């Protein structure tokens, strides 16, 4: 029975997709080694032959075996991010937007993003497995620390990396960060402008570089305003909603109670706002609140528009991080690239004049 032209077209396309290196070589009358080297751009194959091979491969829809190609080039075609993942992180949209941006940029390069979770005490072992196993061509180091053993390890190993955040000493490697100290100062200045003189602060663990910088900005702005530091109203706690909730309970028990609270991370910020609502505090009137990175809109904090110090364009930050890492991988001798962006203040109903 005569087949329709459409069926023949579909059948030809199916056969083309399934062609392998051996079949492509047979069609060209060349050895598999020559065809493979031509496809990979080796200059010991003439330009004319490389062009002929590329044209035939395109016509037949040849798709090289990706695993074999990676093995031949000694590359993984993947980058990794080892994240000290806690339960609350998956509910942090900022992290997910950054990952989305990285994935989108890497997809354009036919590369994968591998996310490896690790407890803080086991991170170095995770890095070691990724590197020794040849599973990634480079890594992004998240949640940088003031003294960061992970970066010391990668420096010593000579392995490509970009830090998402700075460290206490960061002149000799590539990093992307927002000006955390400026953000901490910005929050205090906004509250001082509204007349607040008793400003509390809830801080993430101070070995994290962003937390140390935000605290420095908070203290600097208080000093500039001529305001004292009330030690019992500056609480260092964990990175979780529960930790924020408990910190807010401690602040509410103080006498006198602070008129404003600056929270340096959004995970704690959710807990702080929830605790105030549970105690029937009228946020923005009784106590003003500013949360770094804001409070996600899906947290069911009904009627609350929480003022924030925001690090804008998280998606674009992810794309930039991926671009920077690709540069480090492909140009290992290039000087470090260091990008510092500025945060912005976004108002909300959670701030108002001091009572």
C-alpha atoms as a PDB file:
ATOM      1  CA  UNK A   1       0.000   0.000   0.000  1.00  0.00           C
ATOM      2  CA  UNK A   2       1.309   3.444  -0.930  1.00  0.00           C
ATOM      3  CA  UNK A   3       2.228   5.481   2.123  1.00  0.00           C
ATOM      4  CA  UNK A   4       1.253   9.106   2.393  1.00  0.00           C
ATOM      5  CA  UNK A   5       3.979  11.765   2.091  1.00  0.00           C
ATOM      6  CA  UNK A   6       3.213  12.833   5.705  1.00  0.00           C
ATOM      7  CA  UNK A   7       3.823   9.285   6.983  1.00  0.00           C
ATOM      8  CA  UNK A   8       7.064   9.038   5.010  1.00  0.00           C
ATOM      9  CA  UNK A   9       8.180  12.374   6.470  1.00  0.00           C
ATOM     10  CA  UNK A  10       7.425  11.234  10.010  1.00  0.00           C
ATOM     11  CA  UNK A  11       9.131   7.888   9.435  1.00  0.00           C
ATOM     12  CA  UNK A  12      12.244   9.550   8.009  1.00  0.00           C
ATOM     13  CA  UNK A  13      12.385  11.875  10.979  1.00  0.00           C
ATOM     14  CA  UNK A  14      12.127   8.959  13.410  1.00  0.00           C
ATOM     15  CA  UNK A  15      14.973   7.109  11.656  1.00  0.00           C
ATOM     16  CA  UNK A  16      17.085  10.262  11.618  1.00  0.00           C
ATOM     17  CA  UNK A  17      16.752  10.770  15.350  1.00  0.00           C
ATOM     18  CA  UNK A  18      17.842   7.199  16.028  1.00  0.00           C
ATOM     19  CA  UNK A  19      21.048   7.326  13.923  1.00  0.00           C
ATOM     20  CA  UNK A  20      24.247   6.632  15.852  1.00  0.00           C
ATOM     21  CA  UNK A  21      27.925   7.407  15.281  1.00  0.00           C
ATOM     22  CA  UNK A  22      28.546   4.123  13.473  1.00  0.00           C
ATOM     23  CA  UNK A  23      25.727   4.745  10.995  1.00  0.00           C
ATOM     24  CA  UNK A  24      26.783   8.365  10.465  1.00  0.00           C
ATOM     25  CA  UNK A  25      30.360   7.233   9.779  1.00  0.00           C
ATOM     26  CA  UNK A  26      29.141   4.627   7.275  1.00  0.00           C
ATOM     27  CA  UNK A  27      27.085   7.224   5.396  1.00  0.00           C
ATOM     28  CA  UNK A  28      30.113   9.507   5.189  1.00  0.00           C
ATOM     29  CA  UNK A  29      32.614   6.744   4.345  1.00  0.00           C
ATOM     30  CA  UNK A  30      34.838   7.884   7.213  1.00  0.00           C
ATOM     31  CA  UNK A  31      36.129   6.187  10.340  1.00  0.00           C
ATOM     32  CA  UNK A  32      34.235   6.702  13.596  1.00  0.00           C
ATOM     33  CA  UNK A  33      37.339   8.334  15.101  1.00  0.00           C
ATOM     34  CA  UNK A  34      37.525  10.885  12.296  1.00  0.00           C
ATOM     35  CA  UNK A  35      33.814  11.692  12.527  1.00  0.00           C
ATOM     36  CA  UNK A  36      33.987  12.033  16.309  1.00  0.00           C
ATOM     37  CA  UNK A  37      36.980  14.357  16.149  1.00  0.00           C
ATOM     38  CA  UNK A  38      35.355  16.394  13.386  1.00  0.00           C
ATOM     39  CA  UNK A  39      32.183  16.846  15.451  1.00  0.00           C
ATOM     40  CA  UNK A  40      34.242  17.963  18.438  1.00  0.00           C
ATOM     41  CA  UNK A  41      36.143  20.558  16.390  1.00  0.00           C
ATOM     42  CA  UNK A  42      39.610  19.011  16.476  1.00  0.00           C
ATOM     43  CA  UNK A  43      41.952  20.884  14.102  1.00  0.00           C
ATOM     44  CA  UNK A  44      43.776  17.723  12.998  1.00  0.00           C
ATOM     45  CA  UNK A  45      40.671  17.124  10.855  1.00  0.00           C
ATOM     46  CA  UNK A  46      40.516  19.466   7.852  1.00  0.00           C
ATOM     47  CA  UNK A  47      38.008  22.309   7.861  1.00  0.00           C
ATOM     48  CA  UNK A  48      36.411  20.879   4.715  1.00  0.00           C
ATOM     49  CA  UNK A  49      35.865  17.492   6.388  1.00  0.00           C
ATOM     50  CA  UNK A  50      34.547  19.100   9.575  1.00  0.00           C
ATOM     51  CA  UNK A  51      32.038  21.083   7.520  1.00  0.00           C
ATOM     52  CA  UNK A  52      30.963  17.975   5.573  1.00  0.00           C
ATOM     53  CA  UNK A  53      30.493  15.956   8.748  1.00  0.00           C
ATOM     54  CA  UNK A  54      28.542  18.736  10.471  1.00  0.00           C
ATOM     55  CA  UNK A  55      26.235  19.137   7.473  1.00  0.00           C
ATOM     56  CA  UNK A  56      25.502  15.405   7.234  1.00  0.00           C
ATOM     57  CA  UNK A  57      24.940  15.164  11.011  1.00  0.00           C
ATOM     58  CA  UNK A  58      22.446  18.018  10.823  1.00  0.00           C
ATOM     59  CA  UNK A  59      20.619  16.533   7.838  1.00  0.00           C
ATOM     60  CA  UNK A  60      20.270  13.146   9.532  1.00  0.00           C
ATOM     61  CA  UNK A  61      19.371  14.565  12.946  1.00  0.00           C
ATOM     62  CA  UNK A  62      22.368  12.907  14.594  1.00  0.00           C
ATOM     63  CA  UNK A  63      22.479  13.411  18.378  1.00  0.00           C
ATOM     64  CA  UNK A  64      25.769  12.416  20.036  1.00  0.00           C
ATOM     65  CA  UNK A  65      25.697  10.281  23.151  1.00  0.00           C
ATOM     66  CA  UNK A  66      25.973  12.924  25.856  1.00  0.00           C
ATOM     67  CA  UNK A  67      27.629  10.643  28.395  1.00  0.00           C
ATOM     68  CA  UNK A  68      30.294   9.583  25.900  1.00  0.00           C
ATOM     69  CA  UNK A  69      30.850  13.179  24.853  1.00  0.00           C
ATOM     70  CA  UNK A  70      31.327  14.305  28.447  1.00  0.00           C
ATOM     71  CA  UNK A  71      33.741  11.455  29.083  1.00  0.00           C
ATOM     72  CA  UNK A  72      35.749  12.296  25.983  1.00  0.00           C
ATOM     73  CA  UNK A  73      36.057  15.956  26.953  1.00  0.00           C
ATOM     74  CA  UNK A  74      36.618  15.279  30.641  1.00  0.00           C
ATOM     75  CA  UNK A  75      33.680  17.508  31.538  1.00  0.00           C
ATOM     76  CA  UNK A  76      30.459  16.913  33.451  1.00  0.00           C
ATOM     77  CA  UNK A  77      28.350  19.595  31.702  1.00  0.00           C
ATOM     78  CA  UNK A  78      26.916  20.395  35.128  1.00  0.00           C
ATOM     79  CA  UNK A  79      27.522  22.808  37.971  1.00  0.00           C
ATOM     80  CA  UNK A  80      26.587  22.295  41.585  1.00  0.00           C
ATOM     81  CA  UNK A  81      25.336  24.261  44.532  1.00  0.00           C
ATOM     82  CA  UNK A  82      25.768  22.681  47.954  1.00  0.00           C
ATOM     83  CA  UNK A  83      23.112  24.233  50.123  1.00  0.00           C
ATOM     84  CA  UNK A  84      23.047  23.905  53.918  1.00  0.00           C
ATOM     85  CA  UNK A  85      19.372  23.121  53.571  1.00  0.00           C
ATOM     86  CA  UNK A  86      17.069  23.451  56.540  1.00  0.00           C
ATOM     87  CA  UNK A  87      13.365  22.675  56.570  1.00  0.00           C
ATOM     88  CA  UNK A  88      12.375  26.290  56.037  1.00  0.00           C
ATOM     89  CA  UNK A  89      14.543  26.889  52.985  1.00  0.00           C
ATOM     90  CA  UNK A  90      12.160  25.198  50.583  1.00  0.00           C
ATOM     91  CA  UNK A  91       9.578  27.773  51.610  1.00  0.00           C
ATOM     92  CA  UNK A  92      11.946  30.654  50.782  1.00  0.00           C
ATOM     93  CA  UNK A  93      10.902  32.016  47.371  1.00  0.00           C
ATOM     94  CA  UNK A  94      14.069  34.118  47.077  1.00  0.00           C
ATOM     95  CA  UNK A  95      16.221  30.980  47.018  1.00  0.00           C
ATOM     96  CA  UNK A  96      13.897  29.332  44.504  1.00  0.00           C
ATOM     97  CA  UNK A  97      13.933  32.400  42.219  1.00  0.00           C
ATOM     98  CA  UNK A  98      17.746  32.427  42.279  1.00  0.00           C
ATOM     99  CA  UNK A  99      17.798  28.723  41.397  1.00  0.00           C
ATOM    100  CA  UNK A 100      15.334  29.342  38.568  1.00  0.00           C
ATOM    101  CA  UNK A 101      17.592  32.048  37.133  1.00  0.00           C
ATOM    102  CA  UNK A 102      20.663  29.824  37.335  1.00  0.00           C
ATOM    103  CA  UNK A 103      18.841  26.902  35.729  1.00  0.00           C
ATOM    104  CA  UNK A 104      17.535  29.047  32.884  1.00  0.00           C
ATOM    105  CA  UNK A 105      21.000  30.398  32.055  1.00  0.00           C
ATOM    106  CA  UNK A 106      22.671  26.988  32.254  1.00  0.00           C
ATOM    107  CA  UNK A 107      19.979  25.358  30.141  1.00  0.00           C
ATOM    108  CA  UNK A 108      21.001  27.672  27.298  1.00  0.00           C
ATOM    109  CA  UNK A 109      24.464  26.076  27.540  1.00  0.00           C
ATOM    110  CA  UNK A 110      23.099  22.495  27.680  1.00  0.00           C
ATOM    111  CA  UNK A 111      24.312  22.245  31.265  1.00  0.00           C
ATOM    112  CA  UNK A 112      22.568  20.984  34.387  1.00  0.00           C
ATOM    113  CA  UNK A 113      22.341  22.448  37.869  1.00  0.00           C
ATOM    114  CA  UNK A 114      22.786  19.910  40.646  1.00  0.00           C
ATOM    115  CA  UNK A 115      21.542  20.909  44.109  1.00  0.00           C
ATOM    116  CA  UNK A 116      23.117  18.897  46.904  1.00  0.00           C
ATOM    117  CA  UNK A 117      21.782  19.397  50.409  1.00  0.00           C
ATOM    118  CA  UNK A 118      24.081  18.943  53.363  1.00  0.00           C
ATOM    119  CA  UNK A 119      24.101  19.487  57.098  1.00  0.00           C
ATOM    120  CA  UNK A 120      26.494  22.236  58.096  1.00  0.00           C
ATOM    121  CA  UNK A 121      28.948  19.833  59.731  1.00  0.00           C
ATOM    122  CA  UNK A 122      29.078  17.612  56.613  1.00  0.00           C
ATOM    123  CA  UNK A 123      29.347  20.191  53.832  1.00  0.00           C
ATOM    124  CA  UNK A 124      33.051  19.664  53.160  1.00  0.00           C
ATOM    125  CA  UNK A 125      32.503  15.934  52.634  1.00  0.00           C
ATOM    126  CA  UNK A 126      29.764  16.736  50.134  1.00  0.00           C
ATOM    127  CA  UNK A 127      32.067  19.096  48.220  1.00  0.00           C
ATOM    128  CA  UNK A 128      34.782  16.452  48.243  1.00  0.00           C
ATOM    129  CA  UNK A 129      32.441  13.816  46.771  1.00  0.00           C
ATOM    130  CA  UNK A 130      31.294  16.166  44.007  1.00  0.00           C
ATOM    131  CA  UNK A 131      34.833  17.120  43.054  1.00  0.00           C
ATOM    132  CA  UNK A 132      36.486  13.726  43.279  1.00  0.00           C
ATOM    133  CA  UNK A 133      33.605  12.054  41.485  1.00  0.00           C
ATOM    134  CA  UNK A 134      33.887  14.486  38.564  1.00  0.00           C
ATOM    135  CA  UNK A 135      30.154  15.195  38.840  1.00  0.00           C
ATOM    136  CA  UNK A 136      30.389  18.962  38.299  1.00  0.00           C
ATOM    137  CA  UNK A 137      32.625  21.408  36.437  1.00  0.00           C
ATOM    138  CA  UNK A 138      32.233  24.117  39.062  1.00  0.00           C
ATOM    139  CA  UNK A 139      30.233  25.075  42.152  1.00  0.00           C
ATOM    140  CA  UNK A 140      28.385  28.018  43.646  1.00  0.00           C
ATOM    141  CA  UNK A 141      29.027  28.465  47.367  1.00  0.00           C
ATOM    142  CA  UNK A 142      25.895  29.665  49.172  1.00  0.00           C
ATOM    143  CA  UNK A 143      25.468  31.279  52.599  1.00  0.00           C
ATOM    144  CA  UNK A 144      29.061  32.319  52.891  1.00  0.00           C
ATOM    145  CA  UNK A 145      30.655  32.592  56.318  1.00  0.00           C
ATOM    146  CA  UNK A 146      33.027  35.146  57.796  1.00  0.00           C
ATOM    147  CA  UNK A 147      35.664  32.408  57.988  1.00  0.00           C
ATOM    148  CA  UNK A 148      34.685  29.882  55.336  1.00  0.00           C
ATOM    149  CA  UNK A 149      36.397  26.468  55.261  1.00  0.00           C
ATOM    150  CA  UNK A 150      34.543  25.553  52.057  1.00  0.00           C
ATOM    151  CA  UNK A 151      36.160  28.390  50.140  1.00  0.00           C
ATOM    152  CA  UNK A 152      39.558  27.553  51.638  1.00  0.00           C
ATOM    153  CA  UNK A 153      39.071  23.973  50.409  1.00  0.00           C
ATOM    154  CA  UNK A 154      38.108  25.060  46.879  1.00  0.00           C
ATOM    155  CA  UNK A 155      41.020  27.510  46.729  1.00  0.00           C
ATOM    156  CA  UNK A 156      43.458  24.758  47.717  1.00  0.00           C
ATOM    157  CA  UNK A 157      41.917  22.304  45.239  1.00  0.00           C
ATOM    158  CA  UNK A 158      42.066  24.891  42.443  1.00  0.00           C
ATOM    159  CA  UNK A 159      38.457  24.071  41.559  1.00  0.00           C
ATOM    160  CA  UNK A 160      36.218  26.612  39.770  1.00  0.00           C
ATOM    161  CA  UNK A 161      33.713  28.331  42.070  1.00  0.00           C
ATOM    162  CA  UNK A 162      31.759  31.528  42.604  1.00  0.00           C
ATOM    163  CA  UNK A 163      30.596  32.612  46.044  1.00  0.00           C
ATOM    164  CA  UNK A 164      27.030  33.801  46.548  1.00  0.00           C
ATOM    165  CA  UNK A 165      28.064  36.288  49.211  1.00  0.00           C
ATOM    166  CA  UNK A 166      31.373  37.545  50.559  1.00  0.00           C
ATOM    167  CA  UNK A 167      33.638  36.409  53.381  1.00  0.00           C
ATOM    168  CA  UNK A 168      35.887  38.257  55.792  1.00  0.00           C
ATOM    169  CA  UNK A 169      38.655  38.023  53.159  1.00  0.00           C
ATOM    170  CA  UNK A 170      37.355  37.933  49.603  1.00  0.00           C
ATOM    171  CA  UNK A 171      39.782  39.793  47.342  1.00  0.00           C
ATOM    172  CA  UNK A 172      41.083  36.786  45.429  1.00  0.00           C
ATOM    173  CA  UNK A 173      37.947  34.984  44.212  1.00  0.00           C
ATOM    174  CA  UNK A 174      34.767  35.737  42.292  1.00  0.00           C
ATOM    175  CA  UNK A 175      31.637  36.592  44.262  1.00  0.00           C
ATOM    176  CA  UNK A 176      28.176  38.087  43.858  1.00  0.00           C
ATOM    177  CA  UNK A 177      26.539  39.880  46.775  1.00  0.00           C
ATOM    178  CA  UNK A 178      24.213  42.625  47.910  1.00  0.00           C
ATOM    179  CA  UNK A 179      25.390  45.382  50.247  1.00  0.00           C
ATOM    180  CA  UNK A 180      24.096  43.895  53.486  1.00  0.00           C
ATOM    181  CA  UNK A 181      25.614  46.553  55.726  1.00  0.00           C
ATOM    182  CA  UNK A 182      23.899  49.283  53.724  1.00  0.00           C
ATOM    183  CA  UNK A 183      20.614  47.358  54.047  1.00  0.00           C
ATOM    184  CA  UNK A 184      20.864  47.105  57.829  1.00  0.00           C
ATOM    185  CA  UNK A 185      21.572  50.825  58.104  1.00  0.00           C
ATOM    186  CA  UNK A 186      18.720  51.632  55.703  1.00  0.00           C
ATOM    187  CA  UNK A 187      16.191  49.871  57.957  1.00  0.00           C
ATOM    188  CA  UNK A 188      17.289  51.803  61.049  1.00  0.00           C
ATOM    189  CA  UNK A 189      17.280  55.150  59.244  1.00  0.00           C
ATOM    190  CA  UNK A 190      13.717  54.569  58.057  1.00  0.00           C
ATOM    191  CA  UNK A 191      12.577  53.786  61.610  1.00  0.00           C
ATOM    192  CA  UNK A 192      14.468  56.770  63.059  1.00  0.00           C
ATOM    193  CA  UNK A 193      12.802  58.998  60.452  1.00  0.00           C
ATOM    194  CA  UNK A 194       9.442  57.861  61.875  1.00  0.00           C
ATOM    195  CA  UNK A 195      10.498  58.843  65.379  1.00  0.00           C
ATOM    196  CA  UNK A 196      11.528  55.462  66.806  1.00  0.00           C
ATOM    197  CA  UNK A 197      14.210  55.559  69.485  1.00  0.00           C
ATOM    198  CA  UNK A 198      13.932  52.048  70.975  1.00  0.00           C
ATOM    199  CA  UNK A 199      14.694  49.701  68.077  1.00  0.00           C
ATOM    200  CA  UNK A 200      15.176  45.975  68.605  1.00  0.00           C
ATOM    201  CA  UNK A 201      16.960  43.605  66.258  1.00  0.00           C
ATOM    202  CA  UNK A 202      16.603  39.870  65.533  1.00  0.00           C
ATOM    203  CA  UNK A 203      19.747  38.473  63.926  1.00  0.00           C
ATOM    204  CA  UNK A 204      20.765  35.285  62.160  1.00  0.00           C
ATOM    205  CA  UNK A 205      23.860  33.437  63.486  1.00  0.00           C
ATOM    206  CA  UNK A 206      26.835  35.787  63.305  1.00  0.00           C
ATOM    207  CA  UNK A 207      29.225  33.330  61.679  1.00  0.00           C
ATOM    208  CA  UNK A 208      27.175  33.903  58.506  1.00  0.00           C
ATOM    209  CA  UNK A 209      28.715  36.812  56.655  1.00  0.00           C
ATOM    210  CA  UNK A 210      25.440  38.439  55.614  1.00  0.00           C
ATOM    211  CA  UNK A 211      24.258  38.448  59.250  1.00  0.00           C
ATOM    212  CA  UNK A 212      27.482  40.008  60.525  1.00  0.00           C
ATOM    213  CA  UNK A 213      27.258  42.707  57.861  1.00  0.00           C
ATOM    214  CA  UNK A 214      23.591  43.495  58.552  1.00  0.00           C
ATOM    215  CA  UNK A 215      24.330  43.757  62.274  1.00  0.00           C
ATOM    216  CA  UNK A 216      27.211  46.140  61.509  1.00  0.00           C
ATOM    217  CA  UNK A 217      24.865  48.324  59.482  1.00  0.00           C
ATOM    218  CA  UNK A 218      22.238  48.264  62.247  1.00  0.00           C
ATOM    219  CA  UNK A 219      24.766  49.345  64.891  1.00  0.00           C
ATOM    220  CA  UNK A 220      26.345  51.996  62.651  1.00  0.00           C
ATOM    221  CA  UNK A 221      22.998  53.649  61.929  1.00  0.00           C
ATOM    222  CA  UNK A 222      22.061  53.638  65.633  1.00  0.00           C
ATOM    223  CA  UNK A 223      25.364  55.336  66.417  1.00  0.00           C
ATOM    224  CA  UNK A 224      24.849  57.920  63.659  1.00  0.00           C
ATOM    225  CA  UNK A 225      21.424  58.712  65.143  1.00  0.00           C
ATOM    226  CA  UNK A 226      22.893  59.055  68.635  1.00  0.00           C
ATOM    227  CA  UNK A 227      20.815  56.138  69.943  1.00  0.00           C
ATOM    228  CA  UNK A 228      22.073  53.630  72.519  1.00  0.00           C
ATOM    229  CA  UNK A 229      22.334  49.904  71.854  1.00  0.00           C
ATOM    230  CA  UNK A 230      19.935  48.075  74.153  1.00  0.00           C
ATOM    231  CA  UNK A 231      21.783  44.783  74.562  1.00  0.00           C
ATOM    232  CA  UNK A 232      18.774  42.725  75.685  1.00  0.00           C
ATOM    233  CA  UNK A 233      16.848  43.886  72.588  1.00  0.00           C
ATOM    234  CA  UNK A 234      19.477  42.530  70.166  1.00  0.00           C
ATOM    235  CA  UNK A 235      18.812  38.801  69.833  1.00  0.00           C
ATOM    236  CA  UNK A 236      20.894  36.361  67.808  1.00  0.00           C
ATOM    237  CA  UNK A 237      18.924  33.252  66.908  1.00  0.00           C
ATOM    238  CA  UNK A 238      18.582  30.487  64.322  1.00  0.00           C
ATOM    239  CA  UNK A 239      17.361  30.670  60.734  1.00  0.00           C
ATOM    240  CA  UNK A 240      13.799  29.440  61.136  1.00  0.00           C
ATOM    241  CA  UNK A 241      10.248  30.602  61.751  1.00  0.00           C
ATOM    242  CA  UNK A 242      10.271  29.005  65.187  1.00  0.00           C
ATOM    243  CA  UNK A 243      13.459  30.868  66.133  1.00  0.00           C
ATOM    244  CA  UNK A 244      11.885  34.151  65.023  1.00  0.00           C
ATOM    245  CA  UNK A 245       8.715  33.415  66.974  1.00  0.00           C
ATOM    246  CA  UNK A 246      10.659  32.731  70.171  1.00  0.00           C
ATOM    247  CA  UNK A 247      12.819  35.843  69.706  1.00  0.00           C
ATOM    248  CA  UNK A 248       9.702  38.005  69.373  1.00  0.00           C
ATOM    249  CA  UNK A 249       8.284  36.520  72.577  1.00  0.00           C
ATOM    250  CA  UNK A 250      11.460  37.578  74.390  1.00  0.00           C
ATOM    251  CA  UNK A 251      11.177  41.121  73.006  1.00  0.00           C
ATOM    252  CA  UNK A 252       7.528  41.397  73.991  1.00  0.00           C
ATOM    253  CA  UNK A 253       8.464  40.450  77.564  1.00  0.00           C
ATOM    254  CA  UNK A 254      10.851  43.415  77.886  1.00  0.00           C
ATOM    255  CA  UNK A 255       9.876  46.446  79.901  1.00  0.00           C
ATOM    256  CA  UNK A 256       9.666  48.894  78.319  1.00  0.00           C
ATOM    257  CA  UNK A 257       8.778  47.126  75.129  1.00  0.00           C
ATOM    258  CA  UNK A 258      10.667  48.262  71.986  1.00  0.00           C
ATOM    259  CA  UNK A 259       8.643  50.329  69.547  1.00  0.00           C
ATOM    260  CA  UNK A 260      10.225  48.789  66.448  1.00  0.00           C
ATOM    261  CA  UNK A 261      11.917  45.546  65.356  1.00  0.00           C
ATOM    262  CA  UNK A 262      14.362  44.984  62.522  1.00  0.00           C
ATOM    263  CA  UNK A 263      14.636  41.304  61.472  1.00  0.00           C
ATOM    264  CA  UNK A 264      17.668  40.473  59.330  1.00  0.00           C
ATOM    265  CA  UNK A 265      16.223  37.462  57.438  1.00  0.00           C
ATOM    266  CA  UNK A 266      12.844  36.494  56.072  1.00  0.00           C
ATOM    267  CA  UNK A 267      12.630  33.055  57.694  1.00  0.00           C
ATOM    268  CA  UNK A 268      12.828  34.579  61.172  1.00  0.00           C
ATOM    269  CA  UNK A 269      10.695  37.466  59.971  1.00  0.00           C
ATOM    270  CA  UNK A 270       7.691  35.216  59.404  1.00  0.00           C
ATOM    271  CA  UNK A 271       7.977  33.924  62.974  1.00  0.00           C
ATOM    272  CA  UNK A 272       8.332  37.429  64.429  1.00  0.00           C
ATOM    273  CA  UNK A 273       5.215  38.715  62.649  1.00  0.00           C
ATOM    274  CA  UNK A 274       3.239  35.618  63.652  1.00  0.00           C
ATOM    275  CA  UNK A 275       4.197  36.055  67.318  1.00  0.00           C
ATOM    276  CA  UNK A 276       3.123  39.700  67.305  1.00  0.00           C
ATOM    277  CA  UNK A 277      -0.226  38.815  65.758  1.00  0.00           C
ATOM    278  CA  UNK A 278      -0.772  36.033  68.298  1.00  0.00           C
ATOM    279  CA  UNK A 279      -0.208  38.548  71.098  1.00  0.00           C
ATOM    280  CA  UNK A 280      -2.712  40.920  69.461  1.00  0.00           C
ATOM    281  CA  UNK A 281      -0.073  43.544  68.802  1.00  0.00           C
ATOM    282  CA  UNK A 282      -1.223  46.028  66.187  1.00  0.00           C
ATOM    283  CA  UNK A 283       1.719  45.942  63.802  1.00  0.00           C
ATOM    284  CA  UNK A 284       2.588  49.356  62.439  1.00  0.00           C
ATOM    285  CA  UNK A 285       0.896  51.118  65.328  1.00  0.00           C
ATOM    286  CA  UNK A 286       2.020  49.418  68.567  1.00  0.00           C
ATOM    287  CA  UNK A 287       5.258  48.030  67.119  1.00  0.00           C
ATOM    288  CA  UNK A 288       6.754  48.670  63.687  1.00  0.00           C
ATOM    289  CA  UNK A 289       8.534  45.852  61.824  1.00  0.00           C
ATOM    290  CA  UNK A 290      10.979  45.750  58.906  1.00  0.00           C
ATOM    291  CA  UNK A 291      12.086  42.354  57.584  1.00  0.00           C
ATOM    292  CA  UNK A 292      15.123  41.864  55.372  1.00  0.00           C
ATOM    293  CA  UNK A 293      13.996  40.143  52.131  1.00  0.00           C
ATOM    294  CA  UNK A 294      10.370  40.618  53.161  1.00  0.00           C
ATOM    295  CA  UNK A 295       7.693  38.131  54.099  1.00  0.00           C
ATOM    296  CA  UNK A 296       6.406  35.836  51.314  1.00  0.00           C
ATOM    297  CA  UNK A 297       2.788  36.625  50.372  1.00  0.00           C
ATOM    298  CA  UNK A 298       1.704  32.978  50.803  1.00  0.00           C
ATOM    299  CA  UNK A 299       2.344  32.828  54.564  1.00  0.00           C
ATOM    300  CA  UNK A 300      -1.305  33.554  55.401  1.00  0.00           C
ATOM    301  CA  UNK A 301      -0.443  36.604  57.508  1.00  0.00           C
ATOM    302  CA  UNK A 302      -3.810  38.098  56.665  1.00  0.00           C
ATOM    303  CA  UNK A 303      -3.959  41.851  56.197  1.00  0.00           C
ATOM    304  CA  UNK A 304      -0.234  42.371  56.703  1.00  0.00           C
ATOM    305  CA  UNK A 305       1.907  44.309  54.247  1.00  0.00           C
ATOM    306  CA  UNK A 306       5.351  43.942  55.809  1.00  0.00           C
ATOM    307  CA  UNK A 307       7.939  46.608  55.016  1.00  0.00           C
ATOM    308  CA  UNK A 308      11.184  45.164  53.709  1.00  0.00           C
ATOM    309  CA  UNK A 309      14.766  45.706  52.751  1.00  0.00           C
ATOM    310  CA  UNK A 310      14.746  43.850  49.450  1.00  0.00           C
ATOM    311  CA  UNK A 311      17.433  42.400  47.248  1.00  0.00           C
ATOM    312  CA  UNK A 312      15.681  42.939  43.923  1.00  0.00           C
ATOM    313  CA  UNK A 313      15.658  40.713  40.868  1.00  0.00           C
ATOM    314  CA  UNK A 314      16.483  37.384  42.499  1.00  0.00           C
ATOM    315  CA  UNK A 315      15.931  35.668  39.142  1.00  0.00           C
ATOM    316  CA  UNK A 316      18.446  37.964  37.456  1.00  0.00           C
ATOM    317  CA  UNK A 317      20.871  37.381  40.337  1.00  0.00           C
ATOM    318  CA  UNK A 318      20.710  33.662  39.553  1.00  0.00           C
ATOM    319  CA  UNK A 319      21.467  34.273  35.875  1.00  0.00           C
ATOM    320  CA  UNK A 320      24.403  36.494  36.836  1.00  0.00           C
ATOM    321  CA  UNK A 321      25.806  33.858  39.188  1.00  0.00           C
ATOM    322  CA  UNK A 322      25.607  31.254  36.418  1.00  0.00           C
ATOM    323  CA  UNK A 323      27.308  33.613  33.950  1.00  0.00           C
ATOM    324  CA  UNK A 324      30.093  34.302  36.436  1.00  0.00           C
ATOM    325  CA  UNK A 325      30.683  30.604  37.084  1.00  0.00           C
ATOM    326  CA  UNK A 326      30.776  29.815  33.360  1.00  0.00           C
ATOM    327  CA  UNK A 327      33.457  32.494  33.005  1.00  0.00           C
ATOM    328  CA  UNK A 328      35.515  31.008  35.845  1.00  0.00           C
ATOM    329  CA  UNK A 329      35.250  27.532  34.264  1.00  0.00           C
ATOM    330  CA  UNK A 330      36.115  28.664  30.733  1.00  0.00           C
ATOM    331  CA  UNK A 331      38.667  31.351  31.569  1.00  0.00           C
ATOM    332  CA  UNK A 332      40.550  29.999  34.594  1.00  0.00           C
ATOM    333  CA  UNK A 333      43.299  32.615  34.280  1.00  0.00           C
ATOM    334  CA  UNK A 334      40.960  35.621  34.162  1.00  0.00           C
ATOM    335  CA  UNK A 335      40.999  37.978  37.185  1.00  0.00           C
ATOM    336  CA  UNK A 336      38.246  37.517  39.792  1.00  0.00           C
ATOM    337  CA  UNK A 337      34.898  39.093  39.007  1.00  0.00           C
ATOM    338  CA  UNK A 338      33.143  40.722  41.954  1.00  0.00           C
ATOM    339  CA  UNK A 339      29.612  42.122  41.755  1.00  0.00           C
ATOM    340  CA  UNK A 340      28.024  44.157  44.566  1.00  0.00           C
ATOM    341  CA  UNK A 341      24.404  45.234  44.150  1.00  0.00           C
ATOM    342  CA  UNK A 342      22.416  47.621  46.336  1.00  0.00           C
ATOM    343  CA  UNK A 343      19.268  46.712  48.320  1.00  0.00           C
ATOM    344  CA  UNK A 344      16.158  48.890  48.339  1.00  0.00           C
ATOM    345  CA  UNK A 345      13.558  49.790  50.943  1.00  0.00           C
ATOM    346  CA  UNK A 346       9.983  48.747  50.181  1.00  0.00           C
ATOM    347  CA  UNK A 347       7.369  50.254  52.473  1.00  0.00           C
ATOM    348  CA  UNK A 348       4.331  48.583  53.960  1.00  0.00           C
ATOM    349  CA  UNK A 349       1.652  48.843  56.619  1.00  0.00           C
ATOM    350  CA  UNK A 350       3.983  47.275  59.189  1.00  0.00           C
ATOM    351  CA  UNK A 351       5.776  50.576  59.787  1.00  0.00           C
ATOM    352  CA  UNK A 352       4.377  53.756  61.248  1.00  0.00           C
ATOM    353  CA  UNK A 353       5.251  56.627  63.601  1.00  0.00           C
ATOM    354  CA  UNK A 354       6.582  55.736  67.043  1.00  0.00           C
ATOM    355  CA  UNK A 355       3.742  55.459  69.593  1.00  0.00           C
END
